[in-house]
C-alpha atoms as a PDB file:
ATOM      1  CA  MET A   1      -8.901 -12.389  27.200  1.00  0.00           C
ATOM      2  CA  ASN A   2      -5.305 -13.126  27.386  1.00  0.00           C
ATOM      3  CA  GLN A   3      -4.304 -11.035  30.452  1.00  0.00           C
ATOM      4  CA  SER A   4      -0.701 -10.516  29.127  1.00  0.00           C
ATOM      5  CA  SER A   5      -1.866  -9.413  25.648  1.00  0.00           C
ATOM      6  CA  PRO A   6      -0.201  -6.211  24.803  1.00  0.00           C
ATOM      7  CA  ILE A   7      -3.282  -4.817  22.920  1.00  0.00           C
ATOM      8  CA  ARG A   8      -6.000  -2.914  24.374  1.00  0.00           C
ATOM      9  CA  ARG A   9      -9.468  -4.311  23.662  1.00  0.00           C
ATOM     10  CA  PRO A  10     -11.630  -1.656  21.144  1.00  0.00           C
ATOM     11  CA  GLU A  11     -14.748   0.136  21.839  1.00  0.00           C
ATOM     12  CA  ARG A  12     -17.716  -1.242  19.582  1.00  0.00           C
ATOM     13  CA  GLN A  13     -18.193   2.209  17.777  1.00  0.00           C
ATOM     14  CA  ARG A  14     -16.363   2.172  14.664  1.00  0.00           C
ATOM     15  CA  LEU A  15     -14.957  -1.231  15.292  1.00  0.00           C
ATOM     16  CA  ASP A  16     -12.541  -1.506  12.178  1.00  0.00           C
ATOM     17  CA  GLU A  17     -11.028   1.577  13.071  1.00  0.00           C
ATOM     18  CA  GLN A  18     -10.729   0.877  16.859  1.00  0.00           C
ATOM     19  CA  ILE A  19      -9.117  -2.488  16.223  1.00  0.00           C
ATOM     20  CA  ALA A  20      -6.599  -0.413  13.390  1.00  0.00           C
ATOM     21  CA  ALA A  21      -5.701   1.814  16.291  1.00  0.00           C
ATOM     22  CA  SER A  22      -5.316  -0.567  18.897  1.00  0.00           C
ATOM     23  CA  LEU A  23      -2.896  -2.751  16.774  1.00  0.00           C
ATOM     24  CA  ALA A  24      -1.129   0.374  15.660  1.00  0.00           C
ATOM     25  CA  ASP A  25      -0.430   1.557  19.111  1.00  0.00           C
ATOM     26  CA  ALA A  26       1.239  -2.022  19.990  1.00  0.00           C
ATOM     27  CA  ILE A  27       3.134  -1.525  16.616  1.00  0.00           C
ATOM     28  CA  LEU A  28       4.485   2.083  17.769  1.00  0.00           C
ATOM     29  CA  ASP A  29       4.968   0.611  21.512  1.00  0.00           C
ATOM     30  CA  GLY A  30       7.234  -1.823  20.070  1.00  0.00           C
ATOM     31  CA  HIS A  31       5.528  -4.882  20.865  1.00  0.00           C
ATOM     32  CA  PHE A  32       5.735  -5.920  17.371  1.00  0.00           C
ATOM     33  CA  PRO A  33       9.067  -4.678  15.872  1.00  0.00           C
ATOM     34  CA  PRO A  34       9.593  -3.839  12.335  1.00  0.00           C
ATOM     35  CA  GLY A  35      10.039  -7.302  10.170  1.00  0.00           C
ATOM     36  CA  SER A  36       7.865  -9.202  12.876  1.00  0.00           C
ATOM     37  CA  THR A  37       4.920 -11.134  12.075  1.00  0.00           C
ATOM     38  CA  LEU A  38       1.655 -10.364  13.867  1.00  0.00           C
ATOM     39  CA  PRO A  39      -0.060 -13.194  15.733  1.00  0.00           C
ATOM     40  CA  PRO A  40      -2.522 -15.518  13.959  1.00  0.00           C
ATOM     41  CA  GLU A  41      -6.025 -13.947  12.952  1.00  0.00           C
ATOM     42  CA  ARG A  42      -7.418 -16.276  15.543  1.00  0.00           C
ATOM     43  CA  GLU A  43      -5.259 -15.247  18.509  1.00  0.00           C
ATOM     44  CA  LEU A  44      -5.472 -11.697  17.509  1.00  0.00           C
ATOM     45  CA  ALA A  45      -9.248 -11.781  17.601  1.00  0.00           C
ATOM     46  CA  GLU A  46      -9.454 -13.558  21.142  1.00  0.00           C
ATOM     47  CA  TRP A  47      -7.245 -10.667  22.449  1.00  0.00           C
ATOM     48  CA  LEU A  48      -9.104  -8.014  21.298  1.00  0.00           C
ATOM     49  CA  GLY A  49     -12.569  -9.646  21.854  1.00  0.00           C
ATOM     50  CA  VAL A  50     -13.751  -9.336  18.572  1.00  0.00           C
ATOM     51  CA  ASN A  51     -15.127 -11.694  15.118  1.00  0.00           C
ATOM     52  CA  ARG A  52     -12.757 -12.702  12.586  1.00  0.00           C
ATOM     53  CA  THR A  53     -14.821 -10.516   9.895  1.00  0.00           C
ATOM     54  CA  SER A  54     -14.284  -7.104  12.149  1.00  0.00           C
ATOM     55  CA  LEU A  55     -10.548  -8.291  12.432  1.00  0.00           C
ATOM     56  CA  ARG A  56      -9.843  -8.650   8.970  1.00  0.00           C
ATOM     57  CA  GLN A  57     -11.393  -5.184   8.391  1.00  0.00           C
ATOM     58  CA  GLY A  58      -9.016  -3.551  10.884  1.00  0.00           C
ATOM     59  CA  LEU A  59      -6.149  -5.218   9.226  1.00  0.00           C
ATOM     60  CA  ALA A  60      -7.200  -4.198   6.141  1.00  0.00           C
ATOM     61  CA  ARG A  61      -6.989  -0.448   7.317  1.00  0.00           C
ATOM     62  CA  LEU A  62      -3.481  -1.303   8.725  1.00  0.00           C
ATOM     63  CA  GLN A  63      -2.442  -2.545   5.216  1.00  0.00           C
ATOM     64  CA  HIS A  64      -3.571   0.723   3.678  1.00  0.00           C
ATOM     65  CA  MET A  65      -1.799   2.630   6.419  1.00  0.00           C
ATOM     66  CA  GLY A  66       0.986   0.551   5.454  1.00  0.00           C
ATOM     67  CA  LEU A  67       1.976  -0.277   9.012  1.00  0.00           C
ATOM     68  CA  ILE A  68       1.963  -4.232   7.827  1.00  0.00           C
ATOM     69  CA  GLU A  69       2.109  -5.989   4.875  1.00  0.00           C
ATOM     70  CA  ALA A  70       0.377  -9.088   4.086  1.00  0.00           C
ATOM     71  CA  ARG A  71       2.804 -11.778   2.593  1.00  0.00           C
ATOM     72  CA  GLN A  72       1.894 -15.111   1.203  1.00  0.00           C
ATOM     73  CA  GLY A  73       2.936 -17.935   3.530  1.00  0.00           C
ATOM     74  CA  SER A  74       4.383 -15.349   6.263  1.00  0.00           C
ATOM     75  CA  GLY A  75       1.190 -13.635   7.379  1.00  0.00           C
ATOM     76  CA  ASN A  76       0.856 -10.235   8.423  1.00  0.00           C
ATOM     77  CA  VAL A  77       4.420  -8.521   8.413  1.00  0.00           C
ATOM     78  CA  VAL A  78       5.176  -5.547  10.593  1.00  0.00           C
ATOM     79  CA  ARG A  79       6.741  -2.533   8.605  1.00  0.00           C
ATOM     80  CA  ASP A  80       8.882   0.308  10.042  1.00  0.00           C
ATOM     81  CA  PRO A  81       6.615   2.959  11.127  1.00  0.00           C
ATOM     82  CA  GLN A  82       9.225   5.722  11.130  1.00  0.00           C
ATOM     83  CA  ARG A  83       9.224   5.134   7.205  1.00  0.00           C
ATOM     84  CA  LEU A  84       5.781   5.767   6.866  1.00  0.00           C
ATOM     85  CA  THR A  85       3.981   9.174   5.986  1.00  0.00           C
ATOM     86  CA  HIS A  86       0.120   8.263   5.529  1.00  0.00           C
ATOM     87  CA  PRO A  87      -1.695  10.371   7.520  1.00  0.00           C
ATOM     88  CA  ALA A  88      -3.625   8.105   9.519  1.00  0.00           C
ATOM     89  CA  VAL A  89      -0.065   7.051  11.133  1.00  0.00           C
ATOM     90  CA  VAL A  90       0.895  10.435  11.596  1.00  0.00           C
ATOM     91  CA  GLU A  91      -2.171  10.789  13.420  1.00  0.00           C
ATOM     92  CA  THR A  92      -1.364   8.094  15.548  1.00  0.00           C
ATOM     93  CA  LEU A  93       1.871   9.130  16.374  1.00  0.00           C
ATOM     94  CA  VAL A  94       0.138  12.502  17.572  1.00  0.00           C
ATOM     95  CA  ARG A  95      -1.855  10.242  19.882  1.00  0.00           C
ATOM     96  CA  LYS A  96       0.891   8.845  21.167  1.00  0.00           C
ATOM     97  CA  LEU A  97       3.627  11.267  21.445  1.00  0.00           C
ATOM     98  CA  GLY A  98       1.336  14.032  22.461  1.00  0.00           C
ATOM     99  CA  PRO A  99       1.965  17.369  22.293  1.00  0.00           C
ATOM    100  CA  ASP A 100       5.529  17.671  21.642  1.00  0.00           C
ATOM    101  CA  PHE A 101       5.125  15.757  18.130  1.00  0.00           C
ATOM    102  CA  LEU A 102       1.954  18.399  17.435  1.00  0.00           C
ATOM    103  CA  THR A 103       4.286  20.934  17.962  1.00  0.00           C
ATOM    104  CA  GLU A 104       6.710  19.588  15.440  1.00  0.00           C
ATOM    105  CA  LEU A 105       3.870  18.978  13.069  1.00  0.00           C
ATOM    106  CA  LEU A 106       3.001  22.573  13.468  1.00  0.00           C
ATOM    107  CA  GLU A 107       6.720  23.900  12.827  1.00  0.00           C
ATOM    108  CA  ILE A 108       6.719  22.351   9.551  1.00  0.00           C
ATOM    109  CA  ARG A 109       3.014  24.019   8.976  1.00  0.00           C
ATOM    110  CA  THR A 110       4.312  27.488   9.884  1.00  0.00           C
ATOM    111  CA  ALA A 111       7.585  27.086   7.857  1.00  0.00           C
ATOM    112  CA  PHE A 112       5.412  27.067   4.807  1.00  0.00           C
ATOM    113  CA  GLY A 113       4.070  30.557   5.915  1.00  0.00           C
ATOM    114  CA  ALA A 114       6.661  32.710   4.009  1.00  0.00           C
ATOM    115  CA  LEU A 115       6.484  30.774   0.802  1.00  0.00           C
ATOM    116  CA  ILE A 116       2.802  30.510   0.720  1.00  0.00           C
ATOM    117  CA  GLY A 117       2.347  34.320   1.460  1.00  0.00           C
ATOM    118  CA  ARG A 118       4.798  35.232  -1.173  1.00  0.00           C
ATOM    119  CA  LEU A 119       3.383  33.190  -4.006  1.00  0.00           C
ATOM    120  CA  ALA A 120      -0.129  33.774  -3.445  1.00  0.00           C
ATOM    121  CA  ALA A 121       0.594  37.634  -3.491  1.00  0.00           C
ATOM    122  CA  GLU A 122       2.821  37.477  -6.712  1.00  0.00           C
ATOM    123  CA  ARG A 123       0.646  35.051  -8.448  1.00  0.00           C
ATOM    124  CA  SER A 124      -3.155  35.410  -6.984  1.00  0.00           C
ATOM    125  CA  THR A 125      -5.993  36.791  -9.661  1.00  0.00           C
ATOM    126  CA  LEU A 126      -9.167  38.588  -9.330  1.00  0.00           C
ATOM    127  CA  ASP A 127     -10.705  35.350  -9.048  1.00  0.00           C
ATOM    128  CA  ASP A 128      -8.648  34.320  -6.200  1.00  0.00           C
ATOM    129  CA  ALA A 129      -9.009  37.848  -4.633  1.00  0.00           C
ATOM    130  CA  ARG A 130     -12.821  37.180  -4.890  1.00  0.00           C
ATOM    131  CA  ALA A 131     -12.546  33.449  -3.171  1.00  0.00           C
ATOM    132  CA  LEU A 132     -10.451  34.652  -0.492  1.00  0.00           C
ATOM    133  CA  ARG A 133     -12.949  37.605   0.621  1.00  0.00           C
ATOM    134  CA  GLU A 134     -15.811  34.809   0.439  1.00  0.00           C
ATOM    135  CA  ALA A 135     -13.721  32.539   2.302  1.00  0.00           C
ATOM    136  CA  LEU A 136     -12.920  35.263   4.868  1.00  0.00           C
ATOM    137  CA  ASP A 137     -16.882  36.069   5.121  1.00  0.00           C
ATOM    138  CA  ALA A 138     -17.703  32.558   5.852  1.00  0.00           C
ATOM    139  CA  ALA A 139     -15.039  32.827   9.050  1.00  0.00           C
ATOM    140  CA  GLN A 140     -16.747  35.780  10.052  1.00  0.00           C
ATOM    141  CA  SER A 141     -19.940  34.616   9.899  1.00  0.00           C
ATOM    142  CA  ALA A 142     -19.052  31.249  11.495  1.00  0.00           C
ATOM    143  CA  ASP A 143     -21.089  30.841  14.666  1.00  0.00           C
ATOM    144  CA  THR A 144     -19.021  28.288  16.513  1.00  0.00           C
ATOM    145  CA  SER A 145     -15.321  27.401  16.664  1.00  0.00           C
ATOM    146  CA  ALA A 146     -16.022  24.088  14.774  1.00  0.00           C
ATOM    147  CA  ALA A 147     -17.633  26.328  11.792  1.00  0.00           C
ATOM    148  CA  ARG A 148     -14.509  28.610  12.211  1.00  0.00           C
ATOM    149  CA  GLN A 149     -12.142  25.682  12.087  1.00  0.00           C
ATOM    150  CA  ALA A 150     -13.831  24.191   8.842  1.00  0.00           C
ATOM    151  CA  ALA A 151     -13.790  28.237   7.325  1.00  0.00           C
ATOM    152  CA  ASP A 152      -9.879  28.378   8.285  1.00  0.00           C
ATOM    153  CA  LEU A 153      -9.267  24.975   6.212  1.00  0.00           C
ATOM    154  CA  ALA A 154     -11.586  26.401   3.420  1.00  0.00           C
ATOM    155  CA  PHE A 155      -9.605  30.005   3.464  1.00  0.00           C
ATOM    156  CA  PHE A 156      -6.224  28.044   3.485  1.00  0.00           C
ATOM    157  CA  GLY A 157      -7.276  26.119   0.330  1.00  0.00           C
ATOM    158  CA  VAL A 158      -8.293  29.007  -1.450  1.00  0.00           C
ATOM    159  CA  LEU A 159      -4.840  30.710  -0.669  1.00  0.00           C
ATOM    160  CA  ILE A 160      -2.989  27.340  -1.548  1.00  0.00           C
ATOM    161  CA  HIS A 161      -4.596  27.505  -4.810  1.00  0.00           C
ATOM    162  CA  ALA A 162      -3.696  31.251  -5.221  1.00  0.00           C
ATOM    163  CA  THR A 163       0.216  30.117  -5.143  1.00  0.00           C
ATOM    164  CA  ARG A 164      -0.448  28.238  -8.301  1.00  0.00           C
ATOM    165  CA  ASN A 165       2.274  25.730  -6.615  1.00  0.00           C
ATOM    166  CA  ARG A 166       0.854  22.324  -6.901  1.00  0.00           C
ATOM    167  CA  ALA A 167       3.621  20.565  -5.045  1.00  0.00           C
ATOM    168  CA  LEU A 168       3.429  23.156  -2.452  1.00  0.00           C
ATOM    169  CA  GLY A 169      -0.450  22.305  -2.253  1.00  0.00           C
ATOM    170  CA  LEU A 170       0.438  18.709  -1.889  1.00  0.00           C
ATOM    171  CA  LEU A 171       3.090  19.051   1.058  1.00  0.00           C
ATOM    172  CA  TYR A 172       0.487  21.404   3.041  1.00  0.00           C
ATOM    173  CA  ARG A 173      -2.393  19.446   2.393  1.00  0.00           C
ATOM    174  CA  TRP A 174      -0.371  16.333   3.917  1.00  0.00           C
ATOM    175  CA  VAL A 175       0.725  18.146   6.981  1.00  0.00           C
ATOM    176  CA  GLU A 176      -2.867  19.526   7.404  1.00  0.00           C
ATOM    177  CA  GLN A 177      -4.431  15.958   7.443  1.00  0.00           C
ATOM    178  CA  ALA A 178      -2.076  14.550   9.654  1.00  0.00           C
ATOM    179  CA  PHE A 179      -3.877  16.153  12.572  1.00  0.00           C
ATOM    180  CA  GLY A 180      -6.381  13.397  11.284  1.00  0.00           C
ATOM    181  CA  GLY A 181      -8.919  12.787  14.236  1.00  0.00           C
ATOM    182  CA  ARG A 182      -7.292  15.552  16.431  1.00  0.00           C
ATOM    183  CA  GLU A 183      -9.681  17.895  15.011  1.00  0.00           C
ATOM    184  CA  HIS A 184     -11.866  17.861  18.176  1.00  0.00           C
ATOM    185  CA  GLU A 185      -9.291  18.382  20.563  1.00  0.00           C
ATOM    186  CA  LEU A 186      -7.587  21.603  18.215  1.00  0.00           C
ATOM    187  CA  THR A 187     -11.141  23.131  17.759  1.00  0.00           C
ATOM    188  CA  GLY A 188     -10.632  25.333  21.216  1.00  0.00           C
ATOM    189  CA  ALA A 189      -7.783  27.059  18.953  1.00  0.00           C
ATOM    190  CA  TYR A 190     -10.568  28.845  17.266  1.00  0.00           C
ATOM    191  CA  ASP A 191     -12.517  29.772  20.278  1.00  0.00           C
ATOM    192  CA  ASP A 192     -11.529  33.555  19.806  1.00  0.00           C
ATOM    193  CA  ALA A 193     -13.478  34.623  16.796  1.00  0.00           C
ATOM    194  CA  ASP A 194     -12.166  38.237  16.780  1.00  0.00           C
ATOM    195  CA  ALA A 195      -8.151  36.844  16.679  1.00  0.00           C
ATOM    196  CA  VAL A 196      -8.864  34.457  13.829  1.00  0.00           C
ATOM    197  CA  VAL A 197     -11.250  36.904  11.779  1.00  0.00           C
ATOM    198  CA  ALA A 198      -8.668  39.785  12.106  1.00  0.00           C
ATOM    199  CA  GLU A 199      -5.647  37.442  11.402  1.00  0.00           C
ATOM    200  CA  LEU A 200      -7.297  35.842   8.101  1.00  0.00           C
ATOM    201  CA  ARG A 201      -8.445  39.364   6.771  1.00  0.00           C
ATOM    202  CA  ALA A 202      -4.650  40.651   7.352  1.00  0.00           C
ATOM    203  CA  ILE A 203      -3.818  37.787   4.970  1.00  0.00           C
ATOM    204  CA  SER A 204      -6.588  38.591   2.710  1.00  0.00           C
ATOM    205  CA  GLU A 205      -5.747  41.970   2.246  1.00  0.00           C
ATOM    206  CA  ALA A 206      -1.842  41.701   1.777  1.00  0.00           C
ATOM    207  CA  VAL A 207      -2.464  39.231  -0.843  1.00  0.00           C
ATOM    208  CA  THR A 208      -5.300  40.864  -2.734  1.00  0.00           C
ATOM    209  CA  ALA A 209      -3.132  43.811  -2.869  1.00  0.00           C
ATOM    210  CA  GLY A 210      -0.157  42.229  -4.165  1.00  0.00           C
ATOM    211  CA  ASP A 211       2.176  43.041  -1.305  1.00  0.00           C
ATOM    212  CA  ALA A 212       4.236  39.866  -1.157  1.00  0.00           C
ATOM    213  CA  ALA A 213       6.013  41.192   2.010  1.00  0.00           C
ATOM    214  CA  ALA A 214       2.948  42.158   3.786  1.00  0.00           C
ATOM    215  CA  ALA A 215       1.472  38.864   2.751  1.00  0.00           C
ATOM    216  CA  THR A 216       4.583  36.856   3.996  1.00  0.00           C
ATOM    217  CA  ALA A 217       4.287  38.450   7.337  1.00  0.00           C
ATOM    218  CA  ALA A 218       0.856  38.090   7.826  1.00  0.00           C
ATOM    219  CA  VAL A 219       0.624  34.374   6.767  1.00  0.00           C
ATOM    220  CA  GLU A 220       3.681  33.450   9.049  1.00  0.00           C
ATOM    221  CA  ALA A 221       2.177  35.587  11.932  1.00  0.00           C
ATOM    222  CA  TYR A 222      -1.218  33.577  11.556  1.00  0.00           C
ATOM    223  CA  LEU A 223       0.048  30.249  11.430  1.00  0.00           C
ATOM    224  CA  GLN A 224       2.495  30.925  14.351  1.00  0.00           C
ATOM    225  CA  ALA A 225      -0.307  32.023  16.403  1.00  0.00           C
ATOM    226  CA  SER A 226      -2.791  29.431  15.460  1.00  0.00           C
ATOM    227  CA  ALA A 227       0.152  26.859  16.477  1.00  0.00           C
ATOM    228  CA  LEU A 228       0.130  28.254  19.991  1.00  0.00           C
ATOM    229  CA  ARG A 229      -3.482  27.960  20.377  1.00  0.00           C
ATOM    230  CA  MET A 230      -3.681  24.421  19.062  1.00  0.00           C
ATOM    231  CA  VAL A 231      -1.072  23.345  21.306  1.00  0.00           C
ATOM    232  CA  GLU A 232      -3.037  24.869  24.411  1.00  0.00           C
ATOM    233  CA  SER A 233      -6.417  23.526  23.002  1.00  0.00           C
ATOM    234  CA  TYR A 234      -4.899  20.097  22.451  1.00  0.00           C
ATOM    235  CA  GLN A 235      -3.361  20.412  26.004  1.00  0.00           C
ATOM    236  CA  ARG A 236      -6.566  21.163  27.857  1.00  0.00           C
ATOM    237  CA  ALA A 237      -8.771  18.617  25.849  1.00  0.00           C
ATOM    238  CA  SER A 238      -6.256  15.788  26.515  1.00  0.00           C
ATOM    239  CA  GLY A 239      -5.061  16.895  30.085  1.00  0.00           C
ATOM    240  CA  ALA A 240      -1.480  16.583  28.724  1.00  0.00           C
END
């Protein structure tokens, strides 16, 4: 391996994902600026210590993310990461930039709270109310932090559906997906079962009652509290 290579070698597990992550890190670190062309495949494969087949699979992931564009006669041209919104790119930014960038993402998530609460209270149906209660029961019966995390995502999926605003649903899901592989570092935010369940119950009760003001306050309070817990969990897990 070339000792001056700016790219770290990937682990053997999930090789194509590791290759893509290594190259994405190099791009975000500025080793390959926007508009530049990645080195030839043979050189990249040597740097990374992988075969050409695995390398091409990793490059395909980068193309799917939008970080590179394959151009006939030019090779793999690097695109500007700051212009991209693919969740995998944002996940890479979280990994590179750490808790500060995670906090910025969570600020966006929290900002949706008022609109989610108000619209859900105003537009929810009896079916939505039943689905919220079922989602709350699932959170209450969850016996691990990971299970509560999954229940939280399911609960908010029901809540978003109750708003009857498809654009809001797309935007919120984008922010949620942006956490990507960071789930394992954020799972500690769900250790306190009593807090999570109590906060979700307050949302469910306000929405079911059709109380827009209470629902707005409950969703905002939960998103703010969970954001703090997520950042703390991330810092503990990553040593940041």
